Amino acid sequence: MKKKQKRKKMEQNIKDNNLIIKNKNDDIEDTFCYKLFEEQYFDTDKLKELINYVLFNKLDVKEIGILKWIINCVDNCFIYHKDVDDYYRIKNYSKAIENKWDTDWKLKLIDVLEKK
């Protein structure tokens, strides 16, 4: 089975699952994590979608673990981006995006974790 067909099949199997689980799967293209990790693009709209999902849905233990993983990975992406010896670069990086992550978006996600 070709890679694109395989991805489509996986997306169909996961489409009924939630946005957090979709973000954990590296083969699902249209997610915040895929765009950041694979395409090296910080998609603020996808992040806001993920934040809204987290704010308005009850998370189970597995989802909480994935959310912690996502937060850690995003932090690491900013670290890798600034490391001159690392090839990873966020294509649309700006200090404004990083500041918004540190002072707003990340805090909203952490706040959800602290309430669990």
PDB file of N, CA and C in Angstrom:
ATOM      1  N   MET A   1       0.856  -1.187   0.000  1.00  0.00           N
ATOM      2  CA  MET A   1       0.000   0.000   0.000  1.00  0.00           C
ATOM      3  C   MET A   1       0.895   1.241   0.000  1.00  0.00           C
ATOM      4  N   LYS A   2       0.567   2.173  -0.859  1.00  0.00           N
ATOM      5  CA  LYS A   2       1.364   3.392  -0.938  1.00  0.00           C
ATOM      6  C   LYS A   2       1.223   4.211   0.329  1.00  0.00           C
ATOM      7  N   LYS A   3       2.244   5.033   0.570  1.00  0.00           N
ATOM      8  CA  LYS A   3       2.294   5.813   1.810  1.00  0.00           C
ATOM      9  C   LYS A   3       1.071   6.716   1.972  1.00  0.00           C
ATOM     10  N   LYS A   4       0.640   7.404   0.901  1.00  0.00           N
ATOM     11  CA  LYS A   4      -0.525   8.294   1.002  1.00  0.00           C
ATOM     12  C   LYS A   4      -1.793   7.503   1.297  1.00  0.00           C
ATOM     13  N   GLN A   5      -1.944   6.342   0.663  1.00  0.00           N
ATOM     14  CA  GLN A   5      -3.115   5.506   0.912  1.00  0.00           C
ATOM     15  C   GLN A   5      -3.109   5.017   2.357  1.00  0.00           C
ATOM     16  N   LYS A   6      -1.947   4.645   2.824  1.00  0.00           N
ATOM     17  CA  LYS A   6      -1.810   4.174   4.198  1.00  0.00           C
ATOM     18  C   LYS A   6      -2.193   5.283   5.182  1.00  0.00           C
ATOM     19  N   ARG A   7      -1.727   6.499   4.915  1.00  0.00           N
ATOM     20  CA  ARG A   7      -2.067   7.646   5.765  1.00  0.00           C
ATOM     21  C   ARG A   7      -3.562   7.893   5.782  1.00  0.00           C
ATOM     22  N   LYS A   8      -4.194   7.868   4.597  1.00  0.00           N
ATOM     23  CA  LYS A   8      -5.634   8.109   4.510  1.00  0.00           C
ATOM     24  C   LYS A   8      -6.396   7.067   5.322  1.00  0.00           C
ATOM     25  N   LYS A   9      -5.974   5.816   5.227  1.00  0.00           N
ATOM     26  CA  LYS A   9      -6.630   4.757   5.980  1.00  0.00           C
ATOM     27  C   LYS A   9      -6.488   4.996   7.480  1.00  0.00           C
ATOM     28  N   MET A  10      -5.292   5.395   7.915  1.00  0.00           N
ATOM     29  CA  MET A  10      -5.072   5.678   9.332  1.00  0.00           C
ATOM     30  C   MET A  10      -5.934   6.852   9.778  1.00  0.00           C
ATOM     31  N   GLU A  11      -6.027   7.883   8.924  1.00  0.00           N
ATOM     32  CA  GLU A  11      -6.845   9.045   9.268  1.00  0.00           C
ATOM     33  C   GLU A  11      -8.306   8.654   9.405  1.00  0.00           C
ATOM     34  N   GLN A  12      -8.773   7.779   8.536  1.00  0.00           N
ATOM     35  CA  GLN A  12     -10.156   7.327   8.621  1.00  0.00           C
ATOM     36  C   GLN A  12     -10.387   6.564   9.921  1.00  0.00           C
ATOM     37  N   ASN A  13      -9.436   5.742  10.305  1.00  0.00           N
ATOM     38  CA  ASN A  13      -9.571   4.967  11.536  1.00  0.00           C
ATOM     39  C   ASN A  13      -9.546   5.854  12.771  1.00  0.00           C
ATOM     40  N   ILE A  14      -8.843   6.978  12.696  1.00  0.00           N
ATOM     41  CA  ILE A  14      -8.683   7.838  13.859  1.00  0.00           C
ATOM     42  C   ILE A  14      -9.670   9.002  13.851  1.00  0.00           C
ATOM     43  N   LYS A  15     -10.378   9.217  12.734  1.00  0.00           N
ATOM     44  CA  LYS A  15     -11.198  10.421  12.621  1.00  0.00           C
ATOM     45  C   LYS A  15     -12.238  10.543  13.723  1.00  0.00           C
ATOM     46  N   ASP A  16     -12.685   9.425  14.257  1.00  0.00           N
ATOM     47  CA  ASP A  16     -13.653   9.488  15.347  1.00  0.00           C
ATOM     48  C   ASP A  16     -12.975   9.738  16.689  1.00  0.00           C
ATOM     49  N   ASN A  17     -11.682   9.566  16.745  1.00  0.00           N
ATOM     50  CA  ASN A  17     -10.949   9.842  17.978  1.00  0.00           C
ATOM     51  C   ASN A  17     -10.767  11.342  18.127  1.00  0.00           C
ATOM     52  N   ASN A  18     -10.170  11.717  19.201  1.00  0.00           N
ATOM     53  CA  ASN A  18     -10.079  13.154  19.478  1.00  0.00           C
ATOM     54  C   ASN A  18      -8.824  13.807  18.921  1.00  0.00           C
ATOM     55  N   LEU A  19      -8.834  15.115  19.012  1.00  0.00           N
ATOM     56  CA  LEU A  19      -7.769  15.938  18.449  1.00  0.00           C
ATOM     57  C   LEU A  19      -6.422  15.695  19.128  1.00  0.00           C
ATOM     58  N   ILE A  20      -6.423  15.396  20.401  1.00  0.00           N
ATOM     59  CA  ILE A  20      -5.152  15.145  21.101  1.00  0.00           C
ATOM     60  C   ILE A  20      -4.495  13.883  20.557  1.00  0.00           C
ATOM     61  N   ILE A  21      -5.262  12.825  20.400  1.00  0.00           N
ATOM     62  CA  ILE A  21      -4.710  11.574  19.881  1.00  0.00           C
ATOM     63  C   ILE A  21      -4.248  11.757  18.438  1.00  0.00           C
ATOM     64  N   LYS A  22      -4.994  12.516  17.654  1.00  0.00           N
ATOM     65  CA  LYS A  22      -4.569  12.789  16.277  1.00  0.00           C
ATOM     66  C   LYS A  22      -3.220  13.501  16.262  1.00  0.00           C
ATOM     67  N   ASN A  23      -2.998  14.419  17.178  1.00  0.00           N
ATOM     68  CA  ASN A  23      -1.737  15.160  17.225  1.00  0.00           C
ATOM     69  C   ASN A  23      -0.570  14.274  17.621  1.00  0.00           C
ATOM     70  N   LYS A  24      -0.812  13.215  18.334  1.00  0.00           N
ATOM     71  CA  LYS A  24       0.254  12.300  18.758  1.00  0.00           C
ATOM     72  C   LYS A  24       0.740  11.435  17.594  1.00  0.00           C
ATOM     73  N   ASN A  25      -0.134  11.227  16.597  1.00  0.00           N
ATOM     74  CA  ASN A  25       0.194  10.347  15.482  1.00  0.00           C
ATOM     75  C   ASN A  25       0.924  11.129  14.387  1.00  0.00           C
ATOM     76  N   ASP A  26       2.183  10.816  14.167  1.00  0.00           N
ATOM     77  CA  ASP A  26       3.015  11.527  13.189  1.00  0.00           C
ATOM     78  C   ASP A  26       2.556  11.351  11.744  1.00  0.00           C
ATOM     79  N   ASP A  27       1.700  10.373  11.476  1.00  0.00           N
ATOM     80  CA  ASP A  27       1.263  10.125  10.109  1.00  0.00           C
ATOM     81  C   ASP A  27       0.009  10.905   9.719  1.00  0.00           C
ATOM     82  N   ILE A  28      -0.601  11.607  10.655  1.00  0.00           N
ATOM     83  CA  ILE A  28      -1.791  12.392  10.332  1.00  0.00           C
ATOM     84  C   ILE A  28      -1.342  13.813  10.023  1.00  0.00           C
ATOM     85  N   GLU A  29      -1.495  14.191   8.760  1.00  0.00           N
ATOM     86  CA  GLU A  29      -0.878  15.422   8.262  1.00  0.00           C
ATOM     87  C   GLU A  29      -1.477  16.721   8.780  1.00  0.00           C
ATOM     88  N   ASP A  30      -2.747  16.832   8.875  1.00  0.00           N
ATOM     89  CA  ASP A  30      -3.352  18.145   9.132  1.00  0.00           C
ATOM     90  C   ASP A  30      -3.546  18.412  10.626  1.00  0.00           C
ATOM     91  N   THR A  31      -2.454  18.298  11.384  1.00  0.00           N
ATOM     92  CA  THR A  31      -2.509  18.575  12.819  1.00  0.00           C
ATOM     93  C   THR A  31      -1.415  19.578  13.172  1.00  0.00           C
ATOM     94  N   PHE A  32      -1.568  20.197  14.314  1.00  0.00           N
ATOM     95  CA  PHE A  32      -0.552  21.135  14.790  1.00  0.00           C
ATOM     96  C   PHE A  32       0.809  20.453  14.900  1.00  0.00           C
ATOM     97  N   CYS A  33       0.838  19.288  15.531  1.00  0.00           N
ATOM     98  CA  CYS A  33       2.116  18.600  15.744  1.00  0.00           C
ATOM     99  C   CYS A  33       2.765  18.189  14.427  1.00  0.00           C
ATOM    100  N   TYR A  34       1.981  17.665  13.496  1.00  0.00           N
ATOM    101  CA  TYR A  34       2.552  17.279  12.207  1.00  0.00           C
ATOM    102  C   TYR A  34       3.189  18.487  11.529  1.00  0.00           C
ATOM    103  N   LYS A  35       2.463  19.588  11.514  1.00  0.00           N
ATOM    104  CA  LYS A  35       2.982  20.786  10.849  1.00  0.00           C
ATOM    105  C   LYS A  35       4.268  21.280  11.523  1.00  0.00           C
ATOM    106  N   LEU A  36       4.303  21.251  12.851  1.00  0.00           N
ATOM    107  CA  LEU A  36       5.487  21.733  13.563  1.00  0.00           C
ATOM    108  C   LEU A  36       6.656  20.762  13.451  1.00  0.00           C
ATOM    109  N   PHE A  37       6.401  19.475  13.649  1.00  0.00           N
ATOM    110  CA  PHE A  37       7.494  18.504  13.680  1.00  0.00           C
ATOM    111  C   PHE A  37       7.977  18.120  12.280  1.00  0.00           C
ATOM    112  N   GLU A  38       7.056  17.876  11.371  1.00  0.00           N
ATOM    113  CA  GLU A  38       7.417  17.378  10.041  1.00  0.00           C
ATOM    114  C   GLU A  38       7.635  18.494   9.023  1.00  0.00           C
ATOM    115  N   GLU A  39       6.766  19.505   9.051  1.00  0.00           N
ATOM    116  CA  GLU A  39       6.873  20.594   8.075  1.00  0.00           C
ATOM    117  C   GLU A  39       7.639  21.794   8.628  1.00  0.00           C
ATOM    118  N   GLN A  40       7.943  21.749   9.909  1.00  0.00           N
ATOM    119  CA  GLN A  40       8.690  22.816  10.593  1.00  0.00           C
ATOM    120  C   GLN A  40       7.976  24.158  10.467  1.00  0.00           C
ATOM    121  N   TYR A  41       6.659  24.109  10.603  1.00  0.00           N
ATOM    122  CA  TYR A  41       5.823  25.306  10.497  1.00  0.00           C
ATOM    123  C   TYR A  41       4.962  25.412  11.749  1.00  0.00           C
ATOM    124  N   PHE A  42       5.041  26.524  12.453  1.00  0.00           N
ATOM    125  CA  PHE A  42       4.258  26.738  13.672  1.00  0.00           C
ATOM    126  C   PHE A  42       2.904  27.312  13.254  1.00  0.00           C
ATOM    127  N   ASP A  43       1.903  26.443  13.189  1.00  0.00           N
ATOM    128  CA  ASP A  43       0.568  26.828  12.723  1.00  0.00           C
ATOM    129  C   ASP A  43      -0.262  27.306  13.914  1.00  0.00           C
ATOM    130  N   THR A  44      -0.368  28.609  14.057  1.00  0.00           N
ATOM    131  CA  THR A  44      -1.072  29.181  15.216  1.00  0.00           C
ATOM    132  C   THR A  44      -2.555  28.826  15.202  1.00  0.00           C
ATOM    133  N   ASP A  45      -3.151  28.726  14.026  1.00  0.00           N
ATOM    134  CA  ASP A  45      -4.572  28.358  13.954  1.00  0.00           C
ATOM    135  C   ASP A  45      -4.796  26.935  14.454  1.00  0.00           C
ATOM    136  N   LYS A  46      -3.915  26.018  14.060  1.00  0.00           N
ATOM    137  CA  LYS A  46      -4.023  24.626  14.527  1.00  0.00           C
ATOM    138  C   LYS A  46      -3.796  24.547  16.035  1.00  0.00           C
ATOM    139  N   LEU A  47      -2.879  25.354  16.552  1.00  0.00           N
ATOM    140  CA  LEU A  47      -2.641  25.365  17.995  1.00  0.00           C
ATOM    141  C   LEU A  47      -3.869  25.882  18.735  1.00  0.00           C
ATOM    142  N   LYS A  48      -4.472  26.945  18.244  1.00  0.00           N
ATOM    143  CA  LYS A  48      -5.680  27.493  18.880  1.00  0.00           C
ATOM    144  C   LYS A  48      -6.811  26.472  18.862  1.00  0.00           C
ATOM    145  N   GLU A  49      -6.917  25.726  17.776  1.00  0.00           N
ATOM    146  CA  GLU A  49      -7.915  24.656  17.678  1.00  0.00           C
ATOM    147  C   GLU A  49      -7.663  23.599  18.755  1.00  0.00           C
ATOM    148  N   LEU A  50      -6.405  23.224  18.927  1.00  0.00           N
ATOM    149  CA  LEU A  50      -6.035  22.242  19.948  1.00  0.00           C
ATOM    150  C   LEU A  50      -6.327  22.781  21.347  1.00  0.00           C
ATOM    151  N   ILE A  51      -5.991  24.029  21.600  1.00  0.00           N
ATOM    152  CA  ILE A  51      -6.251  24.643  22.909  1.00  0.00           C
ATOM    153  C   ILE A  51      -7.744  24.659  23.204  1.00  0.00           C
ATOM    154  N   ASN A  52      -8.546  25.051  22.229  1.00  0.00           N
ATOM    155  CA  ASN A  52      -9.998  25.064  22.433  1.00  0.00           C
ATOM    156  C   ASN A  52     -10.529  23.672  22.716  1.00  0.00           C
ATOM    157  N   TYR A  53      -9.987  22.676  22.022  1.00  0.00           N
ATOM    158  CA  TYR A  53     -10.405  21.298  22.278  1.00  0.00           C
ATOM    159  C   TYR A  53     -10.103  20.912  23.728  1.00  0.00           C
ATOM    160  N   VAL A  54      -8.908  21.235  24.164  1.00  0.00           N
ATOM    161  CA  VAL A  54      -8.476  20.892  25.525  1.00  0.00           C
ATOM    162  C   VAL A  54      -9.311  21.629  26.574  1.00  0.00           C
ATOM    163  N   LEU A  55      -9.621  22.887  26.308  1.00  0.00           N
ATOM    164  CA  LEU A  55     -10.384  23.685  27.271  1.00  0.00           C
ATOM    165  C   LEU A  55     -11.826  23.210  27.427  1.00  0.00           C
ATOM    166  N   PHE A  56     -12.401  22.676  26.361  1.00  0.00           N
ATOM    167  CA  PHE A  56     -13.830  22.369  26.380  1.00  0.00           C
ATOM    168  C   PHE A  56     -14.164  20.888  26.360  1.00  0.00           C
ATOM    169  N   ASN A  57     -13.179  20.025  26.581  1.00  0.00           N
ATOM    170  CA  ASN A  57     -13.416  18.581  26.633  1.00  0.00           C
ATOM    171  C   ASN A  57     -12.746  17.989  27.862  1.00  0.00           C
ATOM    172  N   LYS A  58     -13.391  16.998  28.424  1.00  0.00           N
ATOM    173  CA  LYS A  58     -12.827  16.284  29.570  1.00  0.00           C
ATOM    174  C   LYS A  58     -11.749  15.333  29.044  1.00  0.00           C
ATOM    175  N   LEU A  59     -10.576  15.399  29.645  1.00  0.00           N
ATOM    176  CA  LEU A  59      -9.457  14.580  29.199  1.00  0.00           C
ATOM    177  C   LEU A  59      -9.286  13.370  30.096  1.00  0.00           C
ATOM    178  N   ASP A  60      -8.978  12.228  29.477  1.00  0.00           N
ATOM    179  CA  ASP A  60      -8.685  11.045  30.277  1.00  0.00           C
ATOM    180  C   ASP A  60      -7.176  10.997  30.553  1.00  0.00           C
ATOM    181  N   VAL A  61      -6.749   9.986  31.262  1.00  0.00           N
ATOM    182  CA  VAL A  61      -5.345   9.873  31.680  1.00  0.00           C
ATOM    183  C   VAL A  61      -4.409   9.822  30.469  1.00  0.00           C
ATOM    184  N   LYS A  62      -4.792   9.069  29.452  1.00  0.00           N
ATOM    185  CA  LYS A  62      -3.960   8.960  28.245  1.00  0.00           C
ATOM    186  C   LYS A  62      -3.821  10.319  27.559  1.00  0.00           C
ATOM    187  N   GLU A  63      -4.919  11.039  27.452  1.00  0.00           N
ATOM    188  CA  GLU A  63      -4.903  12.350  26.805  1.00  0.00           C
ATOM    189  C   GLU A  63      -4.066  13.353  27.595  1.00  0.00           C
ATOM    190  N   ILE A  64      -4.125  13.282  28.901  1.00  0.00           N
ATOM    191  CA  ILE A  64      -3.310  14.161  29.746  1.00  0.00           C
ATOM    192  C   ILE A  64      -1.822  13.892  29.497  1.00  0.00           C
ATOM    193  N   GLY A  65      -1.468  12.617  29.395  1.00  0.00           N
ATOM    194  CA  GLY A  65      -0.078  12.254  29.093  1.00  0.00           C
ATOM    195  C   GLY A  65       0.369  12.785  27.741  1.00  0.00           C
ATOM    196  N   ILE A  66      -0.506  12.681  26.754  1.00  0.00           N
ATOM    197  CA  ILE A  66      -0.182  13.186  25.416  1.00  0.00           C
ATOM    198  C   ILE A  66      -0.043  14.703  25.443  1.00  0.00           C
ATOM    199  N   LEU A  67      -0.916  15.373  26.177  1.00  0.00           N
ATOM    200  CA  LEU A  67      -0.840  16.834  26.275  1.00  0.00           C
ATOM    201  C   LEU A  67       0.490  17.267  26.897  1.00  0.00           C
ATOM    202  N   LYS A  68       0.937  16.565  27.922  1.00  0.00           N
ATOM    203  CA  LYS A  68       2.246  16.861  28.522  1.00  0.00           C
ATOM    204  C   LYS A  68       3.359  16.662  27.492  1.00  0.00           C
ATOM    205  N   TRP A  69       3.240  15.596  26.717  1.00  0.00           N
ATOM    206  CA  TRP A  69       4.220  15.297  25.670  1.00  0.00           C
ATOM    207  C   TRP A  69       4.245  16.416  24.634  1.00  0.00           C
ATOM    208  N   ILE A  70       3.062  16.882  24.206  1.00  0.00           N
ATOM    209  CA  ILE A  70       2.976  17.957  23.212  1.00  0.00           C
ATOM    210  C   ILE A  70       3.669  19.218  23.728  1.00  0.00           C
ATOM    211  N   ILE A  71       3.373  19.599  24.964  1.00  0.00           N
ATOM    212  CA  ILE A  71       3.986  20.799  25.555  1.00  0.00           C
ATOM    213  C   ILE A  71       5.509  20.673  25.552  1.00  0.00           C
ATOM    214  N   ASN A  72       6.010  19.532  25.988  1.00  0.00           N
ATOM    215  CA  ASN A  72       7.453  19.291  26.023  1.00  0.00           C
ATOM    216  C   ASN A  72       8.065  19.347  24.622  1.00  0.00           C
ATOM    217  N   CYS A  73       7.394  18.747  23.666  1.00  0.00           N
ATOM    218  CA  CYS A  73       7.913  18.735  22.292  1.00  0.00           C
ATOM    219  C   CYS A  73       7.959  20.133  21.685  1.00  0.00           C
ATOM    220  N   VAL A  74       6.934  20.937  21.945  1.00  0.00           N
ATOM    221  CA  VAL A  74       6.932  22.308  21.419  1.00  0.00           C
ATOM    222  C   VAL A  74       8.087  23.091  22.037  1.00  0.00           C
ATOM    223  N   ASP A  75       8.273  22.953  23.344  1.00  0.00           N
ATOM    224  CA  ASP A  75       9.416  23.609  23.994  1.00  0.00           C
ATOM    225  C   ASP A  75      10.730  23.180  23.337  1.00  0.00           C
ATOM    226  N   ASN A  76      10.854  21.879  23.074  1.00  0.00           N
ATOM    227  CA  ASN A  76      12.072  21.369  22.440  1.00  0.00           C
ATOM    228  C   ASN A  76      12.264  21.926  21.035  1.00  0.00           C
ATOM    229  N   CYS A  77      11.172  22.111  20.300  1.00  0.00           N
ATOM    230  CA  CYS A  77      11.286  22.677  18.946  1.00  0.00           C
ATOM    231  C   CYS A  77      11.914  24.065  18.986  1.00  0.00           C
ATOM    232  N   PHE A  78      11.538  24.860  19.974  1.00  0.00           N
ATOM    233  CA  PHE A  78      12.147  26.189  20.095  1.00  0.00           C
ATOM    234  C   PHE A  78      13.629  26.076  20.461  1.00  0.00           C
ATOM    235  N   ILE A  79      13.966  25.115  21.310  1.00  0.00           N
ATOM    236  CA  ILE A  79      15.370  24.894  21.677  1.00  0.00           C
ATOM    237  C   ILE A  79      16.169  24.460  20.448  1.00  0.00           C
ATOM    238  N   TYR A  80      15.639  23.479  19.703  1.00  0.00           N
ATOM    239  CA  TYR A  80      16.343  22.988  18.512  1.00  0.00           C
ATOM    240  C   TYR A  80      16.500  24.100  17.476  1.00  0.00           C
ATOM    241  N   HIS A  81      15.482  24.917  17.333  1.00  0.00           N
ATOM    242  CA  HIS A  81      15.519  26.013  16.355  1.00  0.00           C
ATOM    243  C   HIS A  81      16.696  26.959  16.627  1.00  0.00           C
ATOM    244  N   LYS A  82      16.966  27.200  17.895  1.00  0.00           N
ATOM    245  CA  LYS A  82      18.024  28.146  18.269  1.00  0.00           C
ATOM    246  C   LYS A  82      19.415  27.516  18.326  1.00  0.00           C
ATOM    247  N   ASP A  83      19.481  26.194  18.273  1.00  0.00           N
ATOM    248  CA  ASP A  83      20.753  25.486  18.345  1.00  0.00           C
ATOM    249  C   ASP A  83      21.435  25.534  16.972  1.00  0.00           C
ATOM    250  N   VAL A  84      22.546  26.232  16.885  1.00  0.00           N
ATOM    251  CA  VAL A  84      23.238  26.387  15.600  1.00  0.00           C
ATOM    252  C   VAL A  84      23.737  25.055  15.043  1.00  0.00           C
ATOM    253  N   ASP A  85      23.913  24.054  15.904  1.00  0.00           N
ATOM    254  CA  ASP A  85      24.389  22.749  15.464  1.00  0.00           C
ATOM    255  C   ASP A  85      23.255  21.810  15.063  1.00  0.00           C
ATOM    256  N   ASP A  86      22.025  22.247  15.186  1.00  0.00           N
ATOM    257  CA  ASP A  86      20.865  21.420  14.853  1.00  0.00           C
ATOM    258  C   ASP A  86      20.302  21.869  13.510  1.00  0.00           C
ATOM    259  N   TYR A  87      19.850  20.917  12.714  1.00  0.00           N
ATOM    260  CA  TYR A  87      19.292  21.240  11.400  1.00  0.00           C
ATOM    261  C   TYR A  87      17.839  21.688  11.465  1.00  0.00           C
ATOM    262  N   TYR A  88      17.170  21.441  12.590  1.00  0.00           N
ATOM    263  CA  TYR A  88      15.752  21.791  12.701  1.00  0.00           C
ATOM    264  C   TYR A  88      15.585  23.309  12.766  1.00  0.00           C
ATOM    265  N   ARG A  89      14.702  23.844  11.934  1.00  0.00           N
ATOM    266  CA  ARG A  89      14.370  25.267  11.947  1.00  0.00           C
ATOM    267  C   ARG A  89      12.867  25.421  11.765  1.00  0.00           C
ATOM    268  N   ILE A  90      12.268  26.270  12.559  1.00  0.00           N
ATOM    269  CA  ILE A  90      10.855  26.606  12.388  1.00  0.00           C
ATOM    270  C   ILE A  90      10.813  27.672  11.292  1.00  0.00           C
ATOM    271  N   LYS A  91      10.202  27.335  10.170  1.00  0.00           N
ATOM    272  CA  LYS A  91      10.237  28.202   8.983  1.00  0.00           C
ATOM    273  C   LYS A  91       9.651  29.581   9.243  1.00  0.00           C
ATOM    274  N   ASN A  92       8.595  29.639  10.019  1.00  0.00           N
ATOM    275  CA  ASN A  92       7.937  30.927  10.265  1.00  0.00           C
ATOM    276  C   ASN A  92       8.229  31.445  11.679  1.00  0.00           C
ATOM    277  N   TYR A  93       9.385  31.057  12.222  1.00  0.00           N
ATOM    278  CA  TYR A  93       9.743  31.473  13.579  1.00  0.00           C
ATOM    279  C   TYR A  93       9.757  32.994  13.706  1.00  0.00           C
ATOM    280  N   SER A  94       9.236  33.431  14.835  1.00  0.00           N
ATOM    281  CA  SER A  94       9.409  34.833  15.233  1.00  0.00           C
ATOM    282  C   SER A  94       9.444  34.861  16.754  1.00  0.00           C
ATOM    283  N   LYS A  95      10.087  35.861  17.277  1.00  0.00           N
ATOM    284  CA  LYS A  95      10.127  36.024  18.734  1.00  0.00           C
ATOM    285  C   LYS A  95       8.709  36.203  19.261  1.00  0.00           C
ATOM    286  N   ALA A  96       7.842  36.836  18.474  1.00  0.00           N
ATOM    287  CA  ALA A  96       6.450  37.042  18.886  1.00  0.00           C
ATOM    288  C   ALA A  96       5.723  35.712  19.067  1.00  0.00           C
ATOM    289  N   ILE A  97       5.949  34.760  18.154  1.00  0.00           N
ATOM    290  CA  ILE A  97       5.322  33.438  18.294  1.00  0.00           C
ATOM    291  C   ILE A  97       5.855  32.737  19.534  1.00  0.00           C
ATOM    292  N   GLU A  98       7.165  32.774  19.724  1.00  0.00           N
ATOM    293  CA  GLU A  98       7.747  32.113  20.898  1.00  0.00           C
ATOM    294  C   GLU A  98       7.242  32.751  22.192  1.00  0.00           C
ATOM    295  N   ASN A  99       7.166  34.065  22.232  1.00  0.00           N
ATOM    296  CA  ASN A  99       6.650  34.749  23.427  1.00  0.00           C
ATOM    297  C   ASN A  99       5.187  34.402  23.680  1.00  0.00           C
ATOM    298  N   LYS A 100       4.402  34.343  22.620  1.00  0.00           N
ATOM    299  CA  LYS A 100       2.981  33.995  22.763  1.00  0.00           C
ATOM    300  C   LYS A 100       2.861  32.567  23.292  1.00  0.00           C
ATOM    301  N   TRP A 101       3.727  31.669  22.816  1.00  0.00           N
ATOM    302  CA  TRP A 101       3.736  30.296  23.317  1.00  0.00           C
ATOM    303  C   TRP A 101       4.033  30.299  24.822  1.00  0.00           C
ATOM    304  N   ASP A 102       5.092  30.998  25.218  1.00  0.00           N
ATOM    305  CA  ASP A 102       5.527  30.986  26.619  1.00  0.00           C
ATOM    306  C   ASP A 102       4.571  31.701  27.569  1.00  0.00           C
ATOM    307  N   THR A 103       3.928  32.755  27.103  1.00  0.00           N
ATOM    308  CA  THR A 103       3.136  33.590  28.015  1.00  0.00           C
ATOM    309  C   THR A 103       1.625  33.415  27.891  1.00  0.00           C
ATOM    310  N   ASP A 104       1.177  32.668  26.899  1.00  0.00           N
ATOM    311  CA  ASP A 104      -0.266  32.524  26.706  1.00  0.00           C
ATOM    312  C   ASP A 104      -0.668  31.078  26.409  1.00  0.00           C
ATOM    313  N   TRP A 105      -0.337  30.598  25.213  1.00  0.00           N
ATOM    314  CA  TRP A 105      -0.818  29.295  24.778  1.00  0.00           C
ATOM    315  C   TRP A 105      -0.371  28.162  25.702  1.00  0.00           C
ATOM    316  N   LYS A 106       0.896  28.110  26.017  1.00  0.00           N
ATOM    317  CA  LYS A 106       1.425  27.052  26.888  1.00  0.00           C
ATOM    318  C   LYS A 106       0.784  27.123  28.278  1.00  0.00           C
ATOM    319  N   LEU A 107       0.614  28.336  28.790  1.00  0.00           N
ATOM    320  CA  LEU A 107       0.013  28.505  30.120  1.00  0.00           C
ATOM    321  C   LEU A 107      -1.430  28.016  30.153  1.00  0.00           C
ATOM    322  N   LYS A 108      -2.164  28.215  29.076  1.00  0.00           N
ATOM    323  CA  LYS A 108      -3.539  27.701  29.007  1.00  0.00           C
ATOM    324  C   LYS A 108      -3.549  26.182  29.084  1.00  0.00           C
ATOM    325  N   LEU A 109      -2.621  25.546  28.382  1.00  0.00           N
ATOM    326  CA  LEU A 109      -2.543  24.086  28.405  1.00  0.00           C
ATOM    327  C   LEU A 109      -2.111  23.580  29.778  1.00  0.00           C
ATOM    328  N   ILE A 110      -1.134  24.227  30.371  1.00  0.00           N
ATOM    329  CA  ILE A 110      -0.667  23.833  31.706  1.00  0.00           C
ATOM    330  C   ILE A 110      -1.771  24.027  32.735  1.00  0.00           C
ATOM    331  N   ASP A 111      -2.530  25.085  32.595  1.00  0.00           N
ATOM    332  CA  ASP A 111      -3.641  25.349  33.507  1.00  0.00           C
ATOM    333  C   ASP A 111      -4.645  24.198  33.490  1.00  0.00           C
ATOM    334  N   VAL A 112      -4.915  23.668  32.317  1.00  0.00           N
ATOM    335  CA  VAL A 112      -5.820  22.518  32.206  1.00  0.00           C
ATOM    336  C   VAL A 112      -5.227  21.323  32.946  1.00  0.00           C
ATOM    337  N   LEU A 113      -3.931  21.095  32.788  1.00  0.00           N
ATOM    338  CA  LEU A 113      -3.274  19.968  33.460  1.00  0.00           C
ATOM    339  C   LEU A 113      -3.325  20.121  34.975  1.00  0.00           C
ATOM    340  N   GLU A 114      -3.157  21.326  35.458  1.00  0.00           N
ATOM    341  CA  GLU A 114      -3.151  21.552  36.906  1.00  0.00           C
ATOM    342  C   GLU A 114      -4.529  21.379  37.527  1.00  0.00           C
ATOM    343  N   LYS A 115      -5.566  21.508  36.728  1.00  0.00           N
ATOM    344  CA  LYS A 115      -6.931  21.339  37.233  1.00  0.00           C
ATOM    345  C   LYS A 115      -7.365  19.884  37.236  1.00  0.00           C
ATOM    346  N   LYS A 116      -6.573  19.010  36.643  1.00  0.00           N
ATOM    347  CA  LYS A 116      -6.928  17.585  36.555  1.00  0.00           C
ATOM    348  C   LYS A 116      -6.496  16.850  37.795  1.00  0.00           C
TER     349      LYS A 116
END
